[in-house]
């Protein structure tokens, strides 16, 4: 039980948490019983099939906003894709290859500002 905590370990946990939040799945979900993991599941997506792995509640909210003709769902999907990629980069097996905390914060702030522009346009 007793590994020392480290920034790399915290980044890994944060990455897994992002993947959980945005996919709506937990690492212990039934579909991950065999050789598939939450990380593998998220890694298999790209912008073309992102809708298949994103939490359906997030997709539903985006679709509701589409009714406003000023809203661009593709731009929101690009932001969601960026968050998934951050989660994947944070949860790499090799701690040395994971994102630095400061970079995670910076990238998430860029995504937040982009979403604010989209939603307030």
Protein backbone atom coordinates (compact mmCIF):
# COMPACT_ATOMS: atom_id res chain seq x y z
CA UNK A 1 0.00 0.00 0.00
CA UNK A 2 2.51 2.71 0.45
CA UNK A 3 3.85 4.48 -2.55
CA UNK A 4 4.88 8.07 -2.02
CA UNK A 5 2.62 10.56 -3.69
CA UNK A 6 4.10 12.49 -6.58
CA UNK A 7 3.02 15.14 -9.07
CA UNK A 8 3.18 12.50 -11.83
CA UNK A 9 0.84 10.24 -9.84
CA UNK A 10 -1.54 13.13 -9.24
CA UNK A 11 -1.52 13.97 -12.95
CA UNK A 12 -2.32 10.34 -13.77
CA UNK A 13 -5.28 10.37 -11.37
CA UNK A 14 -6.48 13.68 -12.79
CA UNK A 15 -6.29 12.27 -16.32
CA UNK A 16 -8.36 9.24 -15.36
CA UNK A 17 -10.86 11.53 -13.63
CA UNK A 18 -11.18 13.64 -16.81
CA UNK A 19 -11.81 10.49 -18.83
CA UNK A 20 -14.44 9.37 -16.32
CA UNK A 21 -16.19 12.74 -16.32
CA UNK A 22 -16.30 13.16 -20.08
CA UNK A 23 -17.09 9.57 -21.06
CA UNK A 24 -19.53 8.94 -18.21
CA UNK A 25 -17.77 5.63 -17.55
CA UNK A 26 -15.75 4.30 -14.64
CA UNK A 27 -12.69 2.08 -14.95
CA UNK A 28 -14.76 -0.64 -13.25
CA UNK A 29 -17.65 -0.58 -15.79
CA UNK A 30 -18.73 -3.92 -17.23
CA UNK A 31 -17.30 -3.21 -20.70
CA UNK A 32 -13.83 -3.02 -19.17
CA UNK A 33 -13.88 -6.54 -17.71
CA UNK A 34 -11.73 -8.08 -20.45
CA UNK A 35 -8.68 -6.51 -22.07
CA UNK A 36 -10.29 -3.09 -22.60
CA UNK A 37 -9.56 -0.25 -20.17
CA UNK A 38 -11.10 3.19 -19.80
CA UNK A 39 -7.95 4.64 -21.30
CA UNK A 40 -8.08 2.23 -24.29
CA UNK A 41 -11.75 3.07 -24.76
CA UNK A 42 -11.04 6.82 -24.87
CA UNK A 43 -7.92 6.38 -26.98
CA UNK A 44 -9.91 4.61 -29.69
CA UNK A 45 -11.86 7.77 -30.46
CA UNK A 46 -11.20 10.65 -32.76
CA UNK A 47 -13.27 13.65 -33.80
CA UNK A 48 -15.26 11.49 -36.24
CA UNK A 49 -16.50 8.97 -33.67
CA UNK A 50 -16.24 11.10 -30.52
CA UNK A 51 -20.01 11.07 -30.06
CA UNK A 52 -19.79 7.32 -29.43
CA UNK A 53 -17.59 7.65 -26.33
CA UNK A 54 -18.65 11.00 -24.83
CA UNK A 55 -21.16 10.91 -21.99
CA UNK A 56 -24.61 10.97 -23.64
CA UNK A 57 -25.67 13.74 -21.23
CA UNK A 58 -22.99 16.04 -22.65
CA UNK A 59 -24.02 15.22 -26.21
CA UNK A 60 -27.68 15.82 -25.37
CA UNK A 61 -26.88 19.25 -23.94
CA UNK A 62 -24.91 20.14 -27.06
CA UNK A 63 -27.74 18.97 -29.31
CA UNK A 64 -30.20 21.11 -27.38
CA UNK A 65 -28.04 24.15 -28.08
CA UNK A 66 -27.93 23.33 -31.78
CA UNK A 67 -31.49 24.55 -32.04
CA UNK A 68 -29.99 28.03 -31.71
CA UNK A 69 -28.72 28.59 -35.24
CA UNK A 70 -25.76 30.60 -33.93
CA UNK A 71 -24.34 27.55 -32.18
CA UNK A 72 -21.70 25.36 -33.81
CA UNK A 73 -21.69 21.78 -32.43
CA UNK A 74 -18.51 20.89 -34.31
CA UNK A 75 -16.57 23.50 -32.35
CA UNK A 76 -17.89 22.11 -29.08
CA UNK A 77 -16.95 18.58 -30.16
CA UNK A 78 -13.42 19.80 -30.90
CA UNK A 79 -13.23 21.13 -27.34
CA UNK A 80 -14.47 17.82 -25.94
CA UNK A 81 -11.91 16.00 -28.07
CA UNK A 82 -9.19 18.25 -26.66
CA UNK A 83 -10.22 17.42 -23.09
CA UNK A 84 -10.15 13.69 -23.87
CA UNK A 85 -6.65 14.10 -25.34
CA UNK A 86 -5.50 15.87 -22.17
CA UNK A 87 -6.92 13.00 -20.10
CA UNK A 88 -5.00 10.55 -22.27
CA UNK A 89 -1.74 12.51 -22.05
CA UNK A 90 -2.09 12.73 -18.28
CA UNK A 91 -2.67 8.99 -17.91
CA UNK A 92 0.22 7.66 -19.97
CA UNK A 93 1.92 4.61 -18.46
CA UNK A 94 5.33 6.29 -18.34
CA UNK A 95 5.25 9.05 -15.68
CA UNK A 96 8.00 10.95 -17.52
CA UNK A 97 5.79 11.28 -20.61
CA UNK A 98 2.75 12.65 -18.76
CA UNK A 99 1.76 16.30 -19.03
CA UNK A 100 3.05 18.71 -16.43
CA UNK A 101 0.42 20.19 -14.10
CA UNK A 102 1.07 23.72 -15.35
CA UNK A 103 0.52 22.58 -18.95
CA UNK A 104 -2.72 20.83 -18.03
CA UNK A 105 -4.03 24.01 -16.41
CA UNK A 106 -2.94 26.12 -19.36
CA UNK A 107 -4.57 23.83 -21.94
CA UNK A 108 -7.81 23.53 -19.97
CA UNK A 109 -7.99 27.32 -19.69
CA UNK A 110 -7.63 27.63 -23.46
CA UNK A 111 -10.47 25.12 -23.92
CA UNK A 112 -12.64 26.94 -21.37
CA UNK A 113 -12.12 30.28 -23.12
CA UNK A 114 -12.94 28.71 -26.48
CA UNK A 115 -16.15 27.20 -25.10
CA UNK A 116 -17.11 30.53 -23.55
CA UNK A 117 -16.72 32.20 -26.94
CA UNK A 118 -18.79 29.50 -28.63
CA UNK A 119 -21.58 29.60 -26.05
CA UNK A 120 -21.71 33.38 -25.78
CA UNK A 121 -21.44 34.14 -29.48
